[in-house]
């Protein structure tokens, strides 16, 4: 039985929360390995809806859960999220939740800088959530980040704050913003330290021991392949690697730790914020997809842009992300459509293209080439077997498999956990 990494194969918002929750019952532990509290996973369990940002989805099932070193952590946001989930009846203790002691922190100055830079960019904004994720990753790479382990050492905090502010205050002056007071920041860090440090642990070591004992590990990714800082629609991307390879690096385990890679894939396409979107629909069909799919961001509440399924983009994500099979979600959103289109290629200034280009101008210029299929015009909501799906829906799924060159391992037909068609169990494949 291998470990499973769950990643998004589009622009995020593919329905990873439900699938991770579904898989967590089969796993022994769950690990978040990248991103920050800009991520949003919604879990529907019975009458309860849990909206998670930093917490791994396993916490609501009482599974040992880990926030890996690849995540940037806002300690105040984490404590607030813990309080919120505890108020919903979920018990979260340091025995259940572990935070990598070498994870980098998001500080209030990161969010302030994030928002100030977006405001200064005007029409050139890239659509960040303004939560400081990008600036925190910048500090990590520039080797001036404050990490979880630093909270235990007052001398280190003072040293690192001085070094950090030498950079940030110069930036803030250039943006016409107020500078950060070192003493106030140090006081805030000292105040939050005793609340965060009980969760701190050498996560890599715990996971290594779990692997040795044959425990099944579920790696939970955030965002999606086309938001990857290397392989996505740069610069309209997130600040981390969202691909399965990051599961190993962002948890402190080697690449051999990841077995099956499950790519969560929506039956159509959505995107939040700015950036290219070849199959976007701005007509009544796009509006219908948004309404039926309840397409609003879990974290930001922003309306998602909607469009037809882009097989070229997903196939590229499967190849660059090492995806073994996909979980197809929100099939039921397409139930009322007479005709359904799928992007099977691009036209770039008269040239046929079977990949999503890397260049910014080319990404904005590609036009989708569609193949249109007959819709099924009946409900698939709640189906739990192929036999409960109409023939046209099965044809749609099979055609997607052909185009993306990967099998459908799971098919989700509603937000309810059990409304899932299992084709292959990733933990057993």
Protein backbone atom coordinates (compact mmCIF):
# COMPACT_ATOMS: atom_id res chain seq x y z
CA UNK A 1 0.00 0.00 0.00
CA UNK A 2 1.60 3.25 -1.13
CA UNK A 3 1.24 6.86 -0.09
CA UNK A 4 -0.97 9.22 -2.08
CA UNK A 5 -0.43 12.84 -3.10
CA UNK A 6 -3.52 14.88 -3.97
CA UNK A 7 -2.95 17.86 -6.25
CA UNK A 8 -5.09 20.15 -8.38
CA UNK A 9 -4.78 19.77 -12.16
CA UNK A 10 -6.30 23.13 -13.15
CA UNK A 11 -6.32 26.57 -11.48
CA UNK A 12 -7.31 25.29 -8.04
CA UNK A 13 -10.85 25.09 -6.64
CA UNK A 14 -11.27 21.63 -8.17
CA UNK A 15 -12.91 20.10 -5.10
CA UNK A 16 -9.82 18.75 -3.34
CA UNK A 17 -11.39 19.12 0.12
CA UNK A 18 -14.05 16.48 -0.43
CA UNK A 19 -11.67 14.04 -2.12
CA UNK A 20 -9.01 14.45 0.57
CA UNK A 21 -11.67 13.88 3.20
CA UNK A 22 -12.87 10.78 1.34
CA UNK A 23 -9.31 9.43 1.14
CA UNK A 24 -8.40 10.40 4.71
CA UNK A 25 -10.54 7.53 6.03
CA UNK A 26 -8.15 5.17 4.23
CA UNK A 27 -5.02 7.05 5.37
CA UNK A 28 -3.21 6.96 8.69
CA UNK A 29 -2.10 10.60 8.55
CA UNK A 30 -2.52 13.71 6.40
CA UNK A 31 0.16 16.28 5.46
CA UNK A 32 -0.16 19.78 3.97
CA UNK A 33 3.00 20.47 1.99
CA UNK A 34 2.78 23.93 0.34
CA UNK A 35 0.87 27.19 0.17
CA UNK A 36 -0.58 29.19 3.03
CA UNK A 37 -3.92 30.41 4.27
CA UNK A 38 -4.75 31.57 0.76
CA UNK A 39 -5.86 27.98 0.17
CA UNK A 40 -9.43 26.93 0.87
CA UNK A 41 -10.83 23.43 1.27
CA UNK A 42 -14.51 22.88 2.01
CA UNK A 43 -15.60 19.63 3.65
CA UNK A 44 -19.25 18.65 3.98
CA UNK A 45 -19.75 16.00 6.66
CA UNK A 46 -23.36 15.23 7.43
CA UNK A 47 -25.00 18.47 8.47
CA UNK A 48 -21.67 20.20 9.10
CA UNK A 49 -19.60 22.24 6.66
CA UNK A 50 -15.95 22.86 7.54
CA UNK A 51 -13.94 25.51 5.74
CA UNK A 52 -10.22 24.96 6.15
CA UNK A 53 -7.27 27.06 5.01
CA UNK A 54 -4.12 26.00 6.85
CA UNK A 55 -5.35 22.94 8.70
CA UNK A 56 -4.96 19.60 6.90
CA UNK A 57 -8.33 18.06 6.11
CA UNK A 58 -7.57 15.04 8.30
CA UNK A 59 -8.17 17.00 11.52
CA UNK A 60 -11.95 16.78 11.21
CA UNK A 61 -11.66 12.98 11.10
CA UNK A 62 -9.30 12.80 14.06
CA UNK A 63 -6.39 11.71 11.87
CA UNK A 64 -2.86 12.76 12.86
CA UNK A 65 -2.30 15.88 10.74
CA UNK A 66 0.86 17.74 9.81
CA UNK A 67 1.68 21.16 8.41
CA UNK A 68 4.92 20.64 6.53
CA UNK A 69 7.94 22.86 6.07
CA UNK A 70 6.81 23.80 2.55
CA UNK A 71 3.86 25.75 3.97
CA UNK A 72 4.20 29.40 4.99
CA UNK A 73 2.28 29.85 8.22
CA UNK A 74 0.49 32.89 9.62
CA UNK A 75 0.46 31.94 13.33
CA UNK A 76 -2.46 34.23 14.13
CA UNK A 77 -4.51 32.85 11.24
CA UNK A 78 -3.68 29.30 12.33
CA UNK A 79 -4.80 29.91 15.91
CA UNK A 80 -7.99 31.58 14.69
CA UNK A 81 -8.75 28.63 12.40
CA UNK A 82 -8.14 26.16 15.23
CA UNK A 83 -10.56 28.11 17.44
CA UNK A 84 -13.18 28.13 14.68
CA UNK A 85 -12.97 24.39 14.04
CA UNK A 86 -12.92 23.60 17.76
CA UNK A 87 -16.12 25.65 18.10
CA UNK A 88 -17.68 23.28 15.55
CA UNK A 89 -17.00 20.35 17.86
CA UNK A 90 -13.65 19.12 16.50
CA UNK A 91 -10.97 18.42 19.10
CA UNK A 92 -7.55 19.73 18.04
CA UNK A 93 -4.56 19.17 20.30
CA UNK A 94 -0.76 19.10 19.82
CA UNK A 95 -1.06 15.31 19.82
CA UNK A 96 -3.29 15.50 16.74
CA UNK A 97 -1.73 18.47 14.92
CA UNK A 98 1.99 18.96 14.33
CA UNK A 99 3.58 22.05 12.75
CA UNK A 100 7.00 21.73 11.14
CA UNK A 101 9.51 23.58 13.29
CA UNK A 102 11.38 24.66 10.16
CA UNK A 103 8.32 26.21 8.46
CA UNK A 104 8.54 29.93 7.68
CA UNK A 105 6.14 32.43 9.21
CA UNK A 106 3.84 34.95 7.58
CA UNK A 107 3.91 38.18 9.58
CA UNK A 108 1.50 41.14 9.51
CA UNK A 109 4.04 43.09 7.46
CA UNK A 110 3.82 40.50 4.69
CA UNK A 111 0.08 41.02 4.22
CA UNK A 112 0.49 44.80 4.34
CA UNK A 113 3.22 44.67 1.71
CA UNK A 114 1.21 42.27 -0.45
CA UNK A 115 -1.79 44.60 -0.52
CA UNK A 116 0.30 47.75 -0.98
CA UNK A 117 2.10 46.32 -3.99
CA UNK A 118 -1.13 45.12 -5.60
CA UNK A 119 -2.65 48.58 -5.13
CA UNK A 120 0.44 50.24 -6.62
CA UNK A 121 0.34 47.88 -9.63
CA UNK A 122 -3.01 49.27 -10.81
CA UNK A 123 -4.13 47.49 -13.98
CA UNK A 124 -1.07 45.21 -13.78
CA UNK A 125 -2.33 43.44 -10.65
CA UNK A 126 -1.90 39.67 -10.67
CA UNK A 127 -4.85 38.99 -8.34
CA UNK A 128 -3.22 37.84 -5.10
CA UNK A 129 -5.38 37.22 -2.04
CA UNK A 130 -3.45 39.91 -0.15
CA UNK A 131 -2.63 37.53 2.68
CA UNK A 132 1.14 37.89 2.47
CA UNK A 133 1.93 34.48 1.01
CA UNK A 134 4.15 35.82 -1.80
CA UNK A 135 6.23 38.19 0.37
CA UNK A 136 6.68 35.42 2.97
CA UNK A 137 8.04 33.03 0.33
CA UNK A 138 10.29 35.83 -0.93
CA UNK A 139 11.79 36.22 2.53
CA UNK A 140 12.23 32.47 2.82
CA UNK A 141 14.19 32.29 -0.43
CA UNK A 142 16.17 35.42 0.50
CA UNK A 143 17.15 33.72 3.81
CA UNK A 144 15.69 36.36 6.07
CA UNK A 145 12.50 34.55 7.14
CA UNK A 146 11.52 33.98 10.75
CA UNK A 147 10.75 30.31 11.26
CA UNK A 148 8.60 28.46 13.79
CA UNK A 149 11.64 27.24 15.73
CA UNK A 150 12.89 30.82 16.11
CA UNK A 151 9.93 31.62 18.38
CA UNK A 152 11.65 29.68 21.15
CA UNK A 153 14.69 31.98 21.21
CA UNK A 154 14.31 35.67 22.10
CA UNK A 155 17.83 36.50 20.89
CA UNK A 156 17.19 34.94 17.50
CA UNK A 157 13.87 36.79 17.20
CA UNK A 158 15.58 40.14 17.87
CA UNK A 159 18.39 39.38 15.40
CA UNK A 160 16.07 38.23 12.64
CA UNK A 161 13.58 41.08 13.08
CA UNK A 162 16.38 43.62 12.70
CA UNK A 163 17.61 41.89 9.53
CA UNK A 164 14.07 41.54 8.18
CA UNK A 165 13.13 45.17 8.72
CA UNK A 166 16.29 46.47 7.08
CA UNK A 167 14.76 45.12 3.89
CA UNK A 168 11.03 45.65 4.48
CA UNK A 169 11.16 49.19 5.78
CA UNK A 170 13.13 50.26 2.73
CA UNK A 171 10.40 48.75 0.55
CA UNK A 172 7.65 50.39 2.58
CA UNK A 173 9.30 53.79 2.28
CA UNK A 174 9.42 53.36 -1.48
CA UNK A 175 5.69 52.56 -1.51
CA UNK A 176 4.86 55.51 0.69
CA UNK A 177 3.76 53.22 3.53
CA UNK A 178 4.45 53.50 7.26
CA UNK A 179 7.49 51.60 8.48
CA UNK A 180 7.25 48.64 10.86
CA UNK A 181 8.26 49.22 14.47
CA UNK A 182 10.74 46.54 15.54
CA UNK A 183 9.77 46.55 19.22
CA UNK A 184 6.07 46.10 18.38
CA UNK A 185 6.79 43.20 16.02
CA UNK A 186 9.06 41.49 18.57
CA UNK A 187 6.37 41.90 21.24
CA UNK A 188 3.75 40.35 18.94
CA UNK A 189 6.00 37.38 18.22
CA UNK A 190 6.76 36.82 21.90
CA UNK A 191 3.06 36.97 22.68
CA UNK A 192 2.08 34.36 20.07
CA UNK A 193 5.07 32.05 20.67
CA UNK A 194 3.71 30.08 23.67
CA UNK A 195 0.46 29.45 21.78
CA UNK A 196 2.20 28.12 18.67
CA UNK A 197 5.23 26.28 20.04
CA UNK A 198 3.25 23.38 21.58
CA UNK A 199 2.38 22.33 18.01
CA UNK A 200 5.98 22.62 16.74
CA UNK A 201 7.81 19.39 15.92
CA UNK A 202 10.40 17.90 13.56
CA UNK A 203 7.72 16.75 11.13
CA UNK A 204 10.20 15.16 8.74
CA UNK A 205 11.41 12.83 11.49
CA UNK A 206 7.90 11.79 12.54
CA UNK A 207 6.93 11.08 8.94
CA UNK A 208 10.12 9.10 8.33
CA UNK A 209 9.32 6.86 11.29
CA UNK A 210 5.73 6.49 10.06
CA UNK A 211 6.98 5.47 6.62
CA UNK A 212 9.28 2.87 8.19
CA UNK A 213 6.31 1.41 10.04
CA UNK A 214 4.31 1.17 6.83
CA UNK A 215 1.81 3.86 7.74
CA UNK A 216 -0.25 5.27 4.86
CA UNK A 217 0.39 8.98 4.31
CA UNK A 218 -1.91 11.31 2.38
CA UNK A 219 -0.18 14.43 1.03
CA UNK A 220 -2.64 17.29 0.58
CA UNK A 221 -1.82 20.00 -1.95
CA UNK A 222 -3.33 23.44 -2.36
CA UNK A 223 -4.17 25.50 -5.47
CA UNK A 224 -3.56 23.77 -8.82
CA UNK A 225 -1.01 22.94 -11.51
CA UNK A 226 -1.68 26.05 -13.59
CA UNK A 227 -0.90 28.19 -10.54
CA UNK A 228 2.50 26.52 -10.08
CA UNK A 229 5.26 29.13 -9.91
CA UNK A 230 7.25 27.27 -12.61
CA UNK A 231 4.65 25.51 -14.77
CA UNK A 232 1.62 27.75 -14.39
CA UNK A 233 0.38 30.89 -16.16
CA UNK A 234 3.27 32.99 -14.88
CA UNK A 235 3.15 35.69 -13.48
CA UNK A 236 -0.52 35.01 -12.65
CA UNK A 237 0.44 32.17 -10.33
CA UNK A 238 0.89 31.42 -6.64
CA UNK A 239 4.30 31.67 -4.96
CA UNK A 240 5.00 27.97 -4.46
CA UNK A 241 5.30 24.76 -6.44
CA UNK A 242 1.90 23.09 -6.49
CA UNK A 243 3.01 19.90 -8.23
CA UNK A 244 3.37 16.49 -6.60
CA UNK A 245 7.17 16.80 -6.46
CA UNK A 246 6.69 19.44 -3.79
CA UNK A 247 4.99 16.85 -1.56
CA UNK A 248 8.39 15.29 -0.94
CA UNK A 249 10.30 18.55 -0.45
CA UNK A 250 7.54 20.30 1.48
CA UNK A 251 7.18 17.50 4.01
CA UNK A 252 10.84 16.59 4.45
CA UNK A 253 10.61 13.22 2.72
CA UNK A 254 12.38 11.95 -0.36
CA UNK A 255 10.64 11.51 -3.73
CA UNK A 256 10.22 7.80 -3.06
CA UNK A 257 7.70 8.65 -0.36
CA UNK A 258 5.08 9.61 -2.95
CA UNK A 259 3.36 6.74 -4.68
CA UNK A 260 0.05 7.40 -6.42
CA UNK A 261 -0.54 11.00 -7.56
CA UNK A 262 -4.24 11.85 -7.79
CA UNK A 263 -5.06 14.94 -9.84
CA UNK A 264 -8.33 16.54 -8.80
CA UNK A 265 -10.03 17.71 -11.99
CA UNK A 266 -13.26 19.62 -12.38
CA UNK A 267 -15.57 18.52 -15.21
CA UNK A 268 -15.35 22.09 -16.53
CA UNK A 269 -12.83 24.85 -15.81
CA UNK A 270 -12.75 27.74 -13.35
CA UNK A 271 -10.29 30.42 -12.39
CA UNK A 272 -10.16 33.13 -9.72
CA UNK A 273 -8.43 36.45 -10.33
CA UNK A 274 -6.46 37.75 -13.27
CA UNK A 275 -4.65 35.88 -16.01
CA UNK A 276 -5.28 33.99 -19.26
CA UNK A 277 -8.22 31.59 -19.53
CA UNK A 278 -8.64 30.27 -23.10
CA UNK A 279 -11.98 28.49 -22.57
CA UNK A 280 -13.64 31.19 -20.43
CA UNK A 281 -17.35 31.71 -21.09
CA UNK A 282 -18.75 35.17 -20.48
CA UNK A 283 -22.21 34.25 -21.77
CA UNK A 284 -25.26 32.65 -20.15
CA UNK A 285 -23.60 29.22 -20.13
CA UNK A 286 -20.69 30.57 -18.09
CA UNK A 287 -23.16 32.16 -15.72
CA UNK A 288 -25.08 28.88 -15.45
CA UNK A 289 -21.92 26.94 -14.58
CA UNK A 290 -21.09 29.48 -11.89
CA UNK A 291 -24.55 29.33 -10.37
CA UNK A 292 -24.96 25.55 -10.46
CA UNK A 293 -21.40 25.01 -9.27
CA UNK A 294 -21.61 27.64 -6.49
CA UNK A 295 -18.39 29.07 -7.83
CA UNK A 296 -17.21 31.41 -5.10
CA UNK A 297 -13.80 31.21 -3.42
CA UNK A 298 -13.76 29.46 -0.02
CA UNK A 299 -11.22 31.93 1.39
CA UNK A 300 -11.95 35.17 -0.45
CA UNK A 301 -15.56 34.79 -1.55
CA UNK A 302 -14.52 36.02 -5.00
CA UNK A 303 -16.63 34.87 -7.96
CA UNK A 304 -14.82 32.35 -10.11
CA UNK A 305 -14.59 32.71 -13.86
CA UNK A 306 -16.08 29.65 -15.61
CA UNK A 307 -15.48 27.91 -18.93
CA UNK A 308 -15.42 24.62 -20.83
CA UNK A 309 -13.12 21.75 -19.94
CA UNK A 310 -9.61 22.34 -21.30
CA UNK A 311 -8.11 18.94 -22.13
CA UNK A 312 -4.84 20.43 -23.42
CA UNK A 313 -4.17 22.19 -20.14
CA UNK A 314 -5.08 19.17 -17.99
CA UNK A 315 -2.97 16.82 -20.13
CA UNK A 316 -0.01 19.16 -19.67
CA UNK A 317 -0.61 19.22 -15.90
CA UNK A 318 -0.68 15.41 -15.86
CA UNK A 319 2.67 15.22 -17.63
CA UNK A 320 4.48 17.96 -15.69
CA UNK A 321 2.95 16.91 -12.38
CA UNK A 322 3.41 13.16 -12.65
CA UNK A 323 -0.31 12.53 -12.15
CA UNK A 324 -1.26 8.84 -12.12
CA UNK A 325 -5.03 9.23 -12.38
CA UNK A 326 -7.69 11.87 -11.82
CA UNK A 327 -10.68 12.40 -9.59
CA UNK A 328 -13.32 14.03 -11.79
CA UNK A 329 -15.49 16.39 -9.74
CA UNK A 330 -18.71 18.38 -10.23
CA UNK A 331 -19.97 16.27 -13.10
CA UNK A 332 -23.52 17.07 -11.98
CA UNK A 333 -23.03 20.78 -12.75
CA UNK A 334 -23.25 19.88 -16.46
CA UNK A 335 -26.55 17.99 -16.09
CA UNK A 336 -28.84 20.58 -17.73
CA UNK A 337 -26.77 21.32 -20.85
CA UNK A 338 -27.88 20.13 -24.29
CA UNK A 339 -24.38 20.49 -25.74
CA UNK A 340 -21.02 20.34 -23.98
CA UNK A 341 -17.77 21.50 -25.52
CA UNK A 342 -14.23 20.34 -24.75
CA UNK A 343 -11.07 22.16 -25.78
CA UNK A 344 -8.97 19.70 -27.83
CA UNK A 345 -6.36 22.11 -29.15
CA UNK A 346 -5.33 25.75 -29.52
CA UNK A 347 -5.02 28.10 -32.42
CA UNK A 348 -2.13 30.53 -32.04
CA UNK A 349 -2.24 33.08 -34.84
CA UNK A 350 -3.21 30.41 -37.36
CA UNK A 351 -0.84 27.79 -35.98
CA UNK A 352 -2.19 24.61 -34.38
CA UNK A 353 -0.86 23.98 -30.87
CA UNK A 354 -1.18 20.95 -28.59
CA UNK A 355 0.39 22.49 -25.48
CA UNK A 356 -0.19 25.55 -23.35
CA UNK A 357 2.65 27.96 -24.19
CA UNK A 358 4.95 29.47 -21.57
CA UNK A 359 5.09 33.01 -22.98
CA UNK A 360 2.81 35.62 -21.49
CA UNK A 361 1.72 37.06 -24.84
CA UNK A 362 1.15 33.63 -26.37
CA UNK A 363 -0.92 32.52 -23.39
CA UNK A 364 -3.16 35.53 -23.85
CA UNK A 365 -3.42 34.99 -27.62
CA UNK A 366 -4.31 31.28 -27.89
CA UNK A 367 -7.84 30.47 -29.02
CA UNK A 368 -9.51 27.18 -28.10
CA UNK A 369 -10.39 24.57 -30.69
CA UNK A 370 -13.53 22.77 -29.53
CA UNK A 371 -15.08 19.37 -29.91
CA UNK A 372 -18.78 19.41 -29.04
CA UNK A 373 -20.58 16.50 -27.46
CA UNK A 374 -24.23 15.78 -26.72
CA UNK A 375 -25.27 16.49 -23.15
CA UNK A 376 -27.26 14.04 -21.03
CA UNK A 377 -29.94 16.45 -19.81
CA UNK A 378 -30.77 14.44 -16.68
CA UNK A 379 -29.49 14.30 -13.15
CA UNK A 380 -26.22 12.61 -12.23
CA UNK A 381 -26.25 14.10 -8.75
CA UNK A 382 -25.65 11.49 -6.09
CA UNK A 383 -24.65 8.68 -8.46
CA UNK A 384 -22.40 6.12 -6.79
CA UNK A 385 -21.78 3.69 -9.66
CA UNK A 386 -21.30 3.78 -13.43
CA UNK A 387 -24.66 2.03 -13.79
CA UNK A 388 -26.37 5.11 -12.34
CA UNK A 389 -24.85 7.43 -14.95
CA UNK A 390 -26.52 8.14 -18.31
CA UNK A 391 -24.72 6.86 -21.38
CA UNK A 392 -23.82 10.35 -22.63
CA UNK A 393 -22.17 11.19 -19.29
CA UNK A 394 -20.06 8.04 -19.52
CA UNK A 395 -19.10 8.96 -23.11
CA UNK A 396 -18.01 12.40 -21.86
CA UNK A 397 -15.84 10.84 -19.16
CA UNK A 398 -14.28 8.32 -21.55
CA UNK A 399 -13.48 11.07 -24.06
CA UNK A 400 -11.81 13.12 -21.35
CA UNK A 401 -9.67 10.09 -20.41
CA UNK A 402 -8.56 9.74 -24.04
CA UNK A 403 -7.71 13.41 -24.39
CA UNK A 404 -5.78 13.83 -21.13
CA UNK A 405 -4.06 10.43 -21.41
CA UNK A 406 -4.91 9.41 -17.85
CA UNK A 407 -7.66 7.30 -16.26
CA UNK A 408 -10.46 8.48 -14.01
CA UNK A 409 -9.87 6.86 -10.61
CA UNK A 410 -12.74 8.58 -8.82
CA UNK A 411 -15.81 10.49 -9.96
CA UNK A 412 -17.60 12.89 -7.61
CA UNK A 413 -21.28 13.63 -8.23
CA UNK A 414 -22.10 15.96 -5.33
CA UNK A 415 -20.40 17.64 -2.35
CA UNK A 416 -21.55 14.74 -0.15
CA UNK A 417 -18.69 12.46 0.80
CA UNK A 418 -20.37 9.19 -0.18
CA UNK A 419 -21.57 10.43 -3.58
CA UNK A 420 -18.39 9.14 -5.15
CA UNK A 421 -17.83 6.50 -7.82
CA UNK A 422 -14.68 4.53 -7.03
CA UNK A 423 -12.90 3.06 -10.04
CA UNK A 424 -9.42 2.60 -8.54
CA UNK A 425 -8.43 3.03 -4.90
CA UNK A 426 -5.25 5.16 -5.01
CA UNK A 427 -3.95 3.55 -1.81
CA UNK A 428 -4.17 0.11 -3.37
CA UNK A 429 -3.22 0.83 -6.97
